[in-house]
């Protein structure tokens, strides 16, 4: 039976990854900070019930994060926020044309990712933004490791096809 790590160690190790995941899902740094804080508050409150034999610390924390993000989406309406992000004007930057092009590409990517089926969207966010292993991803999404490994390239293929002008 693996020993349960100290909560402070989990906090130090996973804080940047949980924040990165929340930021990737919410696209708003203030909301991501709030959700990250809530994740660790919830984790601290439930820490006495955490069983390292049932789930890895990463899977446990990212499950809490996923639930907190879903709660945040329900509260604020994710569609409204995506439309605002896509329609937002350009900020000051060193080269306005490059900034504009990057934002257009990013907005197109956000729209394309939002159109993916929920499991593919989840795998893309967990794998490419939070750098989680497929083993952890499958625990979070409730599927086999092989299924998670198949969802990733399928999602990337769809995104590439949608974002390339020539298909």
Foldseek 3Di string as FASTA:
>chain_A
DDDDDDLVVLCVVCLVLLLQLLCVLQVDNVLSVVLSVVLSVVCVVCVVVDDCVVAPSVLVSVLSSVVSSVVVCVVPPRVVVLVCQLPPDFDDDPDRVVSVVVSNLVSQLVVLLVPDPPLLSQLCSCCVRSVDQLVSSCSNVVHDSVVSVVSPVVSVVSSVVSSDPVD
